[in-house]
Amino acid sequence: MGKLDHIRIPREVLKFGLKGSHEICIMGLIYSFGRNGLMLTDMQLANFLHTSSRTVERALKKLRDRGFVVSKRAAGCRRRLVVGPAVESVHNAGSAPDALGQSGSDMDPGVTDPRSGGWPVSSPDILSVNTDVTAGFNPTSMGDETDVTAGQKESNKMKVEEESSAGRNSHNRAFVDYWNAKENLPVIRAFSDQRQNRLKVRMSERVFADNWREAIDKLSASSFATGHNDRAWRADVDWLLKNSTNYIKVLEGKYDDRDLPGPVKGAGDTKQEFTPEMEEAFLAENTRTITDSEAKKLFEEIGLA
């Protein structure tokens, strides 16, 4: 996905008393989508705003803590960011802490705009913000768009690059630390450029970005994926990040263990101990040795044939 050059922020957002430029830009996007919600991952937002995922996480946390943003789950495990109860309170009150040093009297709650999902907008309704210079954005500016000198742009560009690099490193560390905390998974001893690039690609995929911890948990809980198979194969980090299908299979439970029988109930629902003899009889009746062709097909599916 490409980067946004400008974000059109409804002026009502500037009356919420937000201070950080990234908070204002993110709130502007969410407000514009209204009740439909904004369905972008932190990494996608970071890419749009020329910043790091960590910066987006901090900005969203501040907005959630103040009640301006709420996270919901949409179809397909997609996160949906919608305006929170604090926005309703602002509109019901007809005024808000004014970042512009004005009262809220110019906000007409009877005027709505379909671009904002039904939220009120005032006239002129928007402020255009250059996202390439959000580090220097001043919300008290009422011009059509914020402008900076070439020197400021270069300085801000360098800051953005540094933040982006720091954000990637933060994601890498979080992923590696979580993986290495699982003692039955192959330890990641070096996170090469190739692995970093693969993780970056996977993180750009919404399902992986929202569920990578669950995928690692399910791999760790899988007997087959942790070496209990006829080839002693173990799922390593390269296999998980290799493509867009391996982690989907894991999340869908393809490698989950089959349920083992619990305690056997006898007469009068009295619990009986599940003895080794009973286990042996159960396994003899309910398991079989797979054929060479079945084993070959299974390993073809996981790319080891």
Protein backbone atom coordinates (compact mmCIF):
# COMPACT_ATOMS: atom_id res chain seq x y z
CA MET A 1 0.00 0.00 0.00
CA GLY A 2 1.16 3.49 -0.81
CA LYS A 3 1.50 6.43 1.56
CA LEU A 4 -1.09 9.18 1.89
CA ASP A 5 0.10 12.66 0.95
CA HIS A 6 -2.74 14.42 2.79
CA ILE A 7 -5.49 13.61 5.27
CA ARG A 8 -8.64 15.73 5.28
CA ILE A 9 -9.49 16.21 8.94
CA PRO A 10 -13.00 17.39 9.96
CA ARG A 11 -12.60 20.52 12.08
CA GLU A 12 -14.66 18.94 14.86
CA VAL A 13 -11.74 16.56 15.50
CA LEU A 14 -9.55 19.55 16.33
CA LYS A 15 -11.98 20.45 19.09
CA PHE A 16 -11.41 17.17 20.97
CA GLY A 17 -8.36 18.56 22.77
CA LEU A 18 -5.90 16.15 21.13
CA LYS A 19 -2.26 17.22 21.20
CA GLY A 20 -0.23 14.67 19.23
CA SER A 21 -0.18 15.03 15.47
CA HIS A 22 -0.51 11.31 14.93
CA GLU A 23 -3.48 11.16 17.29
CA ILE A 24 -5.17 13.93 15.31
CA CYS A 25 -4.49 12.27 11.94
CA ILE A 26 -5.68 8.84 13.10
CA MET A 27 -8.74 10.33 14.80
CA GLY A 28 -9.48 12.26 11.60
CA LEU A 29 -9.46 9.04 9.57
CA ILE A 30 -11.63 7.14 12.06
CA TYR A 31 -14.05 10.07 12.41
CA SER A 32 -14.38 10.30 8.62
CA PHE A 33 -15.35 6.61 8.39
CA GLY A 34 -17.90 7.17 11.16
CA ARG A 35 -19.99 4.23 12.31
CA ASN A 36 -18.70 2.03 9.48
CA GLY A 37 -15.30 1.92 11.14
CA LEU A 38 -11.73 1.98 9.84
CA MET A 39 -10.33 -1.48 9.05
CA LEU A 40 -6.55 -1.01 8.84
CA THR A 41 -3.79 -2.74 10.83
CA ASP A 42 -1.25 -0.74 12.82
CA MET A 43 1.35 -1.45 10.14
CA GLN A 44 -0.93 -0.19 7.36
CA LEU A 45 -1.70 2.97 9.31
CA ALA A 46 2.02 3.47 9.93
CA ASN A 47 2.71 3.13 6.21
CA PHE A 48 0.01 5.66 5.36
CA LEU A 49 1.31 8.15 7.94
CA HIS A 50 5.02 7.80 7.16
CA THR A 51 5.77 6.60 10.68
CA SER A 52 6.39 3.45 12.74
CA SER A 53 3.89 0.88 13.97
CA ARG A 54 5.00 1.60 17.53
CA THR A 55 4.06 5.27 17.11
CA VAL A 56 0.63 4.22 15.82
CA GLU A 57 0.19 1.84 18.79
CA ARG A 58 0.98 4.64 21.25
CA ALA A 59 -1.40 7.08 19.54
CA LEU A 60 -4.24 4.53 19.46
CA LYS A 61 -3.70 3.69 23.13
CA LYS A 62 -4.08 7.37 24.07
CA LEU A 63 -7.25 7.64 21.99
CA ARG A 64 -8.70 4.47 23.55
CA ASP A 65 -7.78 5.59 27.07
CA ARG A 66 -9.68 8.86 26.55
CA GLY A 67 -12.69 7.08 25.06
CA PHE A 68 -12.39 8.57 21.56
CA VAL A 69 -11.73 5.22 19.83
CA VAL A 70 -13.03 1.69 20.35
CA SER A 71 -11.69 -1.49 18.70
CA LYS A 72 -14.20 -4.05 17.47
CA ARG A 73 -13.91 -7.27 15.50
CA ALA A 74 -15.31 -7.42 12.00
CA ALA A 75 -15.81 -10.47 9.80
CA GLY A 76 -12.71 -12.55 9.18
CA CYS A 77 -11.00 -11.48 12.44
CA ARG A 78 -10.44 -8.00 11.03
CA ARG A 79 -10.12 -5.20 13.52
CA ARG A 80 -12.52 -2.29 13.11
CA LEU A 81 -11.73 1.08 14.69
CA VAL A 82 -14.82 3.15 15.45
CA VAL A 83 -15.46 6.38 17.31
CA GLY A 84 -15.90 5.95 21.05
CA PRO A 85 -18.39 7.25 23.62
CA ALA A 86 -16.32 10.40 24.25
CA VAL A 87 -17.22 11.62 20.74
CA GLU A 88 -20.92 11.13 21.46
CA SER A 89 -20.49 13.08 24.69
CA VAL A 90 -18.81 15.94 22.84
CA HIS A 91 -21.63 16.18 20.29
CA ASN A 92 -24.34 15.86 22.91
CA ALA A 93 -22.75 18.65 24.93
CA GLY A 94 -22.40 20.83 21.84
CA SER A 95 -18.87 21.87 22.84
CA ALA A 96 -15.49 20.39 23.67
CA PRO A 97 -12.05 21.37 24.93
CA ASP A 98 -10.99 23.49 22.02
CA ALA A 99 -7.53 22.88 20.58
CA LEU A 100 -8.07 26.02 18.50
CA GLY A 101 -8.79 28.31 21.43
CA GLN A 102 -12.38 28.79 20.21
CA SER A 103 -15.71 27.72 21.67
CA GLY A 104 -17.68 24.92 20.05
CA SER A 105 -20.43 27.30 19.01
CA ASP A 106 -19.65 26.99 15.30
CA MET A 107 -20.40 23.28 15.36
CA ASP A 108 -23.91 22.68 14.11
CA PRO A 109 -25.10 19.23 15.26
CA GLY A 110 -27.82 19.36 12.65
CA VAL A 111 -25.37 19.37 9.73
CA THR A 112 -23.95 16.01 8.74
CA ASP A 113 -21.74 14.74 5.96
CA PRO A 114 -21.83 11.22 4.45
CA ARG A 115 -18.03 11.23 4.44
CA SER A 116 -18.11 11.25 8.24
CA GLY A 117 -20.58 8.37 8.53
CA GLY A 118 -23.27 10.71 9.85
CA TRP A 119 -21.17 12.72 12.32
CA PRO A 120 -21.70 16.49 12.29
CA VAL A 121 -19.27 18.74 10.45
CA SER A 122 -18.98 22.51 10.48
CA SER A 123 -18.31 24.84 7.58
CA PRO A 124 -15.66 25.06 6.28
CA ASP A 125 -15.76 21.38 7.19
CA ILE A 126 -12.18 20.15 6.81
CA LEU A 127 -8.53 20.91 7.35
CA SER A 128 -6.07 19.34 4.89
CA VAL A 129 -2.93 18.05 6.57
CA ASN A 130 0.27 17.10 4.79
CA THR A 131 1.10 13.68 6.31
CA ASP A 132 4.74 13.92 5.25
CA VAL A 133 5.30 16.58 7.93
CA THR A 134 3.05 15.40 10.77
CA ALA A 135 5.96 15.66 13.19
CA GLY A 136 5.78 19.42 12.71
CA PHE A 137 2.01 19.74 12.36
CA ASN A 138 0.45 22.51 14.43
CA PRO A 139 -3.28 21.94 15.01
CA THR A 140 -3.79 25.65 15.72
CA SER A 141 -3.08 26.46 12.07
CA MET A 142 -6.30 27.25 10.25
CA GLY A 143 -4.87 27.42 6.73
CA ASP A 144 -5.94 25.05 3.98
CA GLU A 145 -2.83 23.00 4.53
CA THR A 146 0.25 23.00 6.72
CA ASP A 147 3.43 24.04 4.93
CA VAL A 148 7.08 23.78 5.94
CA THR A 149 10.41 24.67 4.44
CA ALA A 150 12.51 22.19 2.45
CA GLY A 151 14.92 21.96 5.38
CA GLN A 152 12.12 21.06 7.77
CA LYS A 153 10.82 18.44 5.36
CA GLU A 154 14.24 16.80 5.13
CA SER A 155 14.60 16.85 8.90
CA ASN A 156 11.15 15.33 9.37
CA LYS A 157 11.87 12.72 6.70
CA MET A 158 14.97 11.63 8.61
CA LYS A 159 12.94 11.40 11.83
CA VAL A 160 10.30 9.30 10.09
CA GLU A 161 12.94 6.93 8.70
CA GLU A 162 14.44 6.54 12.15
CA GLU A 163 11.01 5.89 13.70
CA SER A 164 10.14 3.40 10.96
CA SER A 165 13.37 1.50 11.55
CA ALA A 166 12.76 1.52 15.29
CA GLY A 167 9.21 0.27 14.73
CA ARG A 168 10.39 -2.63 12.57
CA ASN A 169 13.02 -3.55 15.16
CA SER A 170 10.37 -3.44 17.87
CA HIS A 171 8.12 -5.82 15.88
CA ASN A 172 11.06 -8.12 15.17
CA ARG A 173 12.03 -8.27 18.85
CA ALA A 174 8.46 -8.92 19.95
CA PHE A 175 8.08 -11.74 17.44
CA VAL A 176 11.43 -13.37 18.23
CA ASP A 177 10.93 -13.09 22.00
CA TYR A 178 7.46 -14.65 21.81
CA TRP A 179 8.70 -17.48 19.59
CA ASN A 180 11.76 -18.22 21.74
CA ALA A 181 9.59 -18.33 24.87
CA LYS A 182 8.19 -21.62 23.52
CA GLU A 183 10.72 -24.21 24.67
CA ASN A 184 9.54 -26.91 22.25
CA LEU A 185 10.00 -24.76 19.11
CA PRO A 186 13.39 -24.46 17.33
CA VAL A 187 15.22 -21.48 18.86
CA ILE A 188 15.72 -18.41 16.65
CA ARG A 189 19.42 -17.65 17.08
CA ALA A 190 19.75 -15.10 14.27
CA PHE A 191 17.07 -13.01 12.60
CA SER A 192 18.59 -12.50 9.16
CA ASP A 193 17.59 -9.87 6.61
CA GLN A 194 15.66 -12.55 4.71
CA ARG A 195 13.68 -13.45 7.83
CA GLN A 196 13.05 -9.79 8.60
CA ASN A 197 11.75 -9.21 5.07
CA ARG A 198 9.46 -12.24 5.29
CA LEU A 199 8.11 -11.08 8.64
CA LYS A 200 7.47 -7.61 7.16
CA VAL A 201 5.48 -9.18 4.31
CA ARG A 202 3.48 -11.38 6.68
CA MET A 203 2.77 -8.42 9.01
CA SER A 204 1.27 -6.58 6.04
CA GLU A 205 -1.35 -9.34 5.86
CA ARG A 206 -4.24 -8.54 8.20
CA VAL A 207 -4.90 -12.10 9.42
CA PHE A 208 -1.26 -12.66 10.36
CA ALA A 209 -0.83 -9.22 11.94
CA ASP A 210 -3.86 -9.81 14.18
CA ASN A 211 -3.21 -13.47 15.02
CA TRP A 212 0.54 -14.26 14.88
CA ARG A 213 0.73 -14.95 18.62
CA GLU A 214 -2.11 -17.45 18.34
CA ALA A 215 -0.32 -19.16 15.42
CA ILE A 216 2.84 -19.58 17.52
CA ASP A 217 0.77 -20.86 20.47
CA LYS A 218 -0.94 -23.45 18.26
CA LEU A 219 2.37 -24.61 16.77
CA SER A 220 3.81 -25.06 20.24
CA ALA A 221 0.74 -27.07 21.31
CA SER A 222 0.89 -29.35 18.25
CA SER A 223 2.60 -32.71 18.70
CA PHE A 224 3.04 -33.13 14.95
CA ALA A 225 4.59 -29.66 14.49
CA THR A 226 7.02 -30.18 17.37
CA GLY A 227 8.66 -33.37 16.13
CA HIS A 228 6.24 -36.18 17.02
CA ASN A 229 6.01 -37.61 13.51
CA ASP A 230 7.80 -40.36 11.59
CA ARG A 231 10.37 -37.90 10.18
CA ALA A 232 10.92 -35.98 13.43
CA TRP A 233 10.05 -32.84 11.45
CA ARG A 234 9.59 -29.66 13.47
CA ALA A 235 8.02 -26.42 12.29
CA ASP A 236 10.60 -23.64 12.39
CA VAL A 237 10.23 -19.90 11.90
CA ASP A 238 11.18 -20.09 8.21
CA TRP A 239 8.34 -22.53 7.56
CA LEU A 240 5.81 -20.30 9.35
CA LEU A 241 6.89 -17.14 7.46
CA LYS A 242 7.50 -18.86 4.12
CA ASN A 243 4.16 -18.03 2.50
CA SER A 244 0.60 -16.90 3.10
CA THR A 245 -0.82 -20.41 3.50
CA ASN A 246 1.25 -22.13 6.21
CA TYR A 247 0.12 -19.90 9.06
CA ILE A 248 -3.50 -20.07 7.81
CA LYS A 249 -3.36 -23.87 8.10
CA VAL A 250 -2.04 -23.53 11.64
CA LEU A 251 -4.77 -21.06 12.64
CA GLU A 252 -7.44 -23.29 11.10
CA GLY A 253 -6.28 -26.20 13.27
CA LYS A 254 -4.76 -28.48 10.62
CA TYR A 255 -1.94 -29.46 12.99
CA ASP A 256 -3.96 -29.54 16.22
CA ASP A 257 -3.75 -32.71 18.31
CA ARG A 258 -6.76 -35.00 18.26
CA ASP A 259 -8.71 -35.04 21.53
CA LEU A 260 -7.69 -37.84 23.86
CA PRO A 261 -10.36 -39.72 25.83
CA GLY A 262 -11.18 -38.49 29.31
CA PRO A 263 -12.19 -40.50 32.38
CA VAL A 264 -14.58 -43.38 31.68
CA LYS A 265 -17.86 -43.36 33.56
CA GLY A 266 -19.29 -46.57 34.93
CA ALA A 267 -22.49 -47.51 36.69
CA GLY A 268 -24.02 -44.70 38.67
CA ASP A 269 -21.77 -42.15 36.91
CA THR A 270 -18.91 -43.14 39.19
CA LYS A 271 -15.63 -41.95 37.65
CA GLN A 272 -13.13 -44.72 36.91
CA GLU A 273 -9.43 -44.39 36.42
CA PHE A 274 -8.31 -44.59 32.80
CA THR A 275 -5.75 -47.38 33.13
CA PRO A 276 -2.83 -48.16 30.77
CA GLU A 277 -4.67 -51.32 29.66
CA MET A 278 -7.75 -49.26 28.76
CA GLU A 279 -5.58 -46.78 26.89
CA GLU A 280 -3.89 -49.61 24.95
CA ALA A 281 -7.27 -51.11 24.03
CA PHE A 282 -8.59 -47.71 22.95
CA LEU A 283 -5.56 -46.98 20.76
CA ALA A 284 -5.70 -50.45 19.19
CA GLU A 285 -9.31 -49.87 18.24
CA ASN A 286 -9.10 -46.27 17.10
CA THR A 287 -5.67 -45.79 15.51
CA ARG A 288 -3.87 -47.24 12.55
CA THR A 289 -0.50 -46.91 10.85
CA ILE A 290 -0.72 -44.64 7.84
CA THR A 291 0.50 -45.91 4.49
CA ASP A 292 3.58 -44.62 2.73
CA SER A 293 1.39 -42.83 0.17
CA GLU A 294 -0.58 -41.10 2.95
CA ALA A 295 2.61 -40.04 4.68
CA LYS A 296 4.02 -38.72 1.40
CA LYS A 297 0.85 -36.69 0.75
CA LEU A 298 0.96 -35.18 4.24
CA PHE A 299 4.57 -34.09 3.91
CA GLU A 300 3.88 -32.69 0.42
CA GLU A 301 1.24 -30.45 2.01
CA ILE A 302 3.77 -28.96 4.40
CA GLY A 303 6.44 -28.60 1.71
CA LEU A 304 8.83 -31.34 2.88
CA ALA A 305 8.32 -33.93 0.14
